[in-house]
Amino acid sequence: MSQKKVQKEEEKPTAGPLRKHRSRAEKIDDLKKQISELRKAEREERQKARDEKLLAIGKAVYEKAGKPKNIYGLQQYVESEEFKVDFKNDF
């Protein structure tokens, strides 16, 4: 090998913190990871909103049923003809 070629190989930066430029594949991997994290956060946010809606609905039904002492009383109220749901999409 020529001396210049050997010198160039020795000067190549290592994959450590001293390296200034990332390869294209590394950039793509980082972007994929960011997208994955954003999607995960979005899913968690939607799930949290869904849970809050269900809790609000459950609380409203419980209070409308007269705050029964056990689940059987709540079940009877839901199965009765008194139970009517007027759905309004305010969310």
Protein backbone atom coordinates (compact mmCIF):
# COMPACT_ATOMS: atom_id res chain seq x y z
CA MET A 1 0.00 0.00 0.00
CA SER A 2 1.07 3.50 -0.62
CA GLN A 3 1.92 5.71 2.29
CA LYS A 4 -0.98 8.11 1.52
CA LYS A 5 -3.53 5.29 1.58
CA VAL A 6 -2.24 4.04 4.93
CA GLN A 7 -2.37 7.58 6.29
CA LYS A 8 -5.99 8.03 5.16
CA GLU A 9 -7.03 4.78 6.84
CA GLU A 10 -5.39 5.88 10.08
CA GLU A 11 -7.18 9.25 9.96
CA LYS A 12 -10.66 7.74 9.62
CA PRO A 13 -12.74 8.69 12.62
CA THR A 14 -13.92 5.95 14.90
CA ALA A 15 -17.54 5.38 15.79
CA GLY A 16 -17.06 7.16 19.09
CA PRO A 17 -18.01 10.58 20.40
CA LEU A 18 -15.29 12.28 18.34
CA ARG A 19 -17.09 11.50 15.11
CA LYS A 20 -18.83 14.58 13.73
CA HIS A 21 -20.98 13.14 10.96
CA ARG A 22 -23.42 10.28 11.23
CA SER A 23 -24.02 7.89 8.39
CA ARG A 24 -27.25 7.92 6.43
CA ALA A 25 -28.32 4.62 7.97
CA GLU A 26 -27.79 5.99 11.49
CA LYS A 27 -29.86 9.07 10.70
CA ILE A 28 -32.64 6.89 9.30
CA ASP A 29 -32.54 4.66 12.39
CA ASP A 30 -32.77 7.72 14.65
CA LEU A 31 -35.74 9.06 12.71
CA LYS A 32 -37.48 5.68 12.86
CA LYS A 33 -36.92 5.59 16.61
CA GLN A 34 -38.34 9.12 16.99
CA ILE A 35 -41.40 8.21 14.91
CA SER A 36 -41.92 5.08 17.00
CA GLU A 37 -41.72 7.08 20.24
CA LEU A 38 -44.16 9.70 18.93
CA ARG A 39 -46.65 7.01 17.88
CA LYS A 40 -46.36 5.35 21.27
CA ALA A 41 -46.98 8.67 23.05
CA GLU A 42 -49.97 9.33 20.77
CA ARG A 43 -51.45 5.89 21.53
CA GLU A 44 -51.01 6.44 25.26
CA GLU A 45 -52.67 9.85 25.00
CA ARG A 46 -55.66 8.42 23.13
CA GLN A 47 -55.96 5.58 25.66
CA LYS A 48 -55.88 8.06 28.53
CA ALA A 49 -58.63 10.17 26.91
CA ARG A 50 -60.70 7.01 26.33
CA ASP A 51 -60.26 5.98 29.97
CA GLU A 52 -61.33 9.43 31.17
CA LYS A 53 -64.48 9.27 29.02
CA LEU A 54 -65.36 5.82 30.33
CA LEU A 55 -64.86 6.95 33.93
CA ALA A 56 -67.11 9.96 33.36
CA ILE A 57 -69.80 7.76 31.80
CA GLY A 58 -69.52 5.20 34.60
CA LYS A 59 -69.77 7.89 37.26
CA ALA A 60 -72.83 9.44 35.60
CA VAL A 61 -74.60 6.07 35.38
CA TYR A 62 -73.70 5.28 39.00
CA GLU A 63 -75.10 8.60 40.24
CA LYS A 64 -78.22 8.31 38.09
CA ALA A 65 -78.84 4.82 39.51
CA GLY A 66 -79.00 6.32 42.99
CA LYS A 67 -75.52 5.19 44.05
CA PRO A 68 -76.33 1.50 44.65
CA LYS A 69 -74.34 -0.33 47.32
CA ASN A 70 -73.33 -3.23 45.09
CA ILE A 71 -72.84 -4.11 41.45
CA TYR A 72 -76.09 -6.10 41.41
CA GLY A 73 -78.12 -2.97 42.09
CA LEU A 74 -76.33 -1.14 39.29
CA GLN A 75 -76.91 -4.05 36.93
CA GLN A 76 -80.62 -4.07 37.74
CA TYR A 77 -80.85 -0.35 37.03
CA VAL A 78 -79.10 -0.69 33.67
CA GLU A 79 -81.39 -3.58 32.69
CA SER A 80 -84.50 -1.68 33.76
CA GLU A 81 -86.62 0.45 31.48
CA GLU A 82 -85.69 3.59 33.43
CA PHE A 83 -82.20 3.47 31.99
CA LYS A 84 -82.01 5.55 28.86
CA VAL A 85 -78.91 7.01 27.25
CA ASP A 86 -79.01 10.24 25.31
CA PHE A 87 -75.67 10.31 23.57
CA LYS A 88 -74.18 13.71 22.84
CA ASN A 89 -70.74 13.82 21.29
CA ASP A 90 -69.25 16.76 23.19
CA PHE A 91 -65.72 15.40 23.19
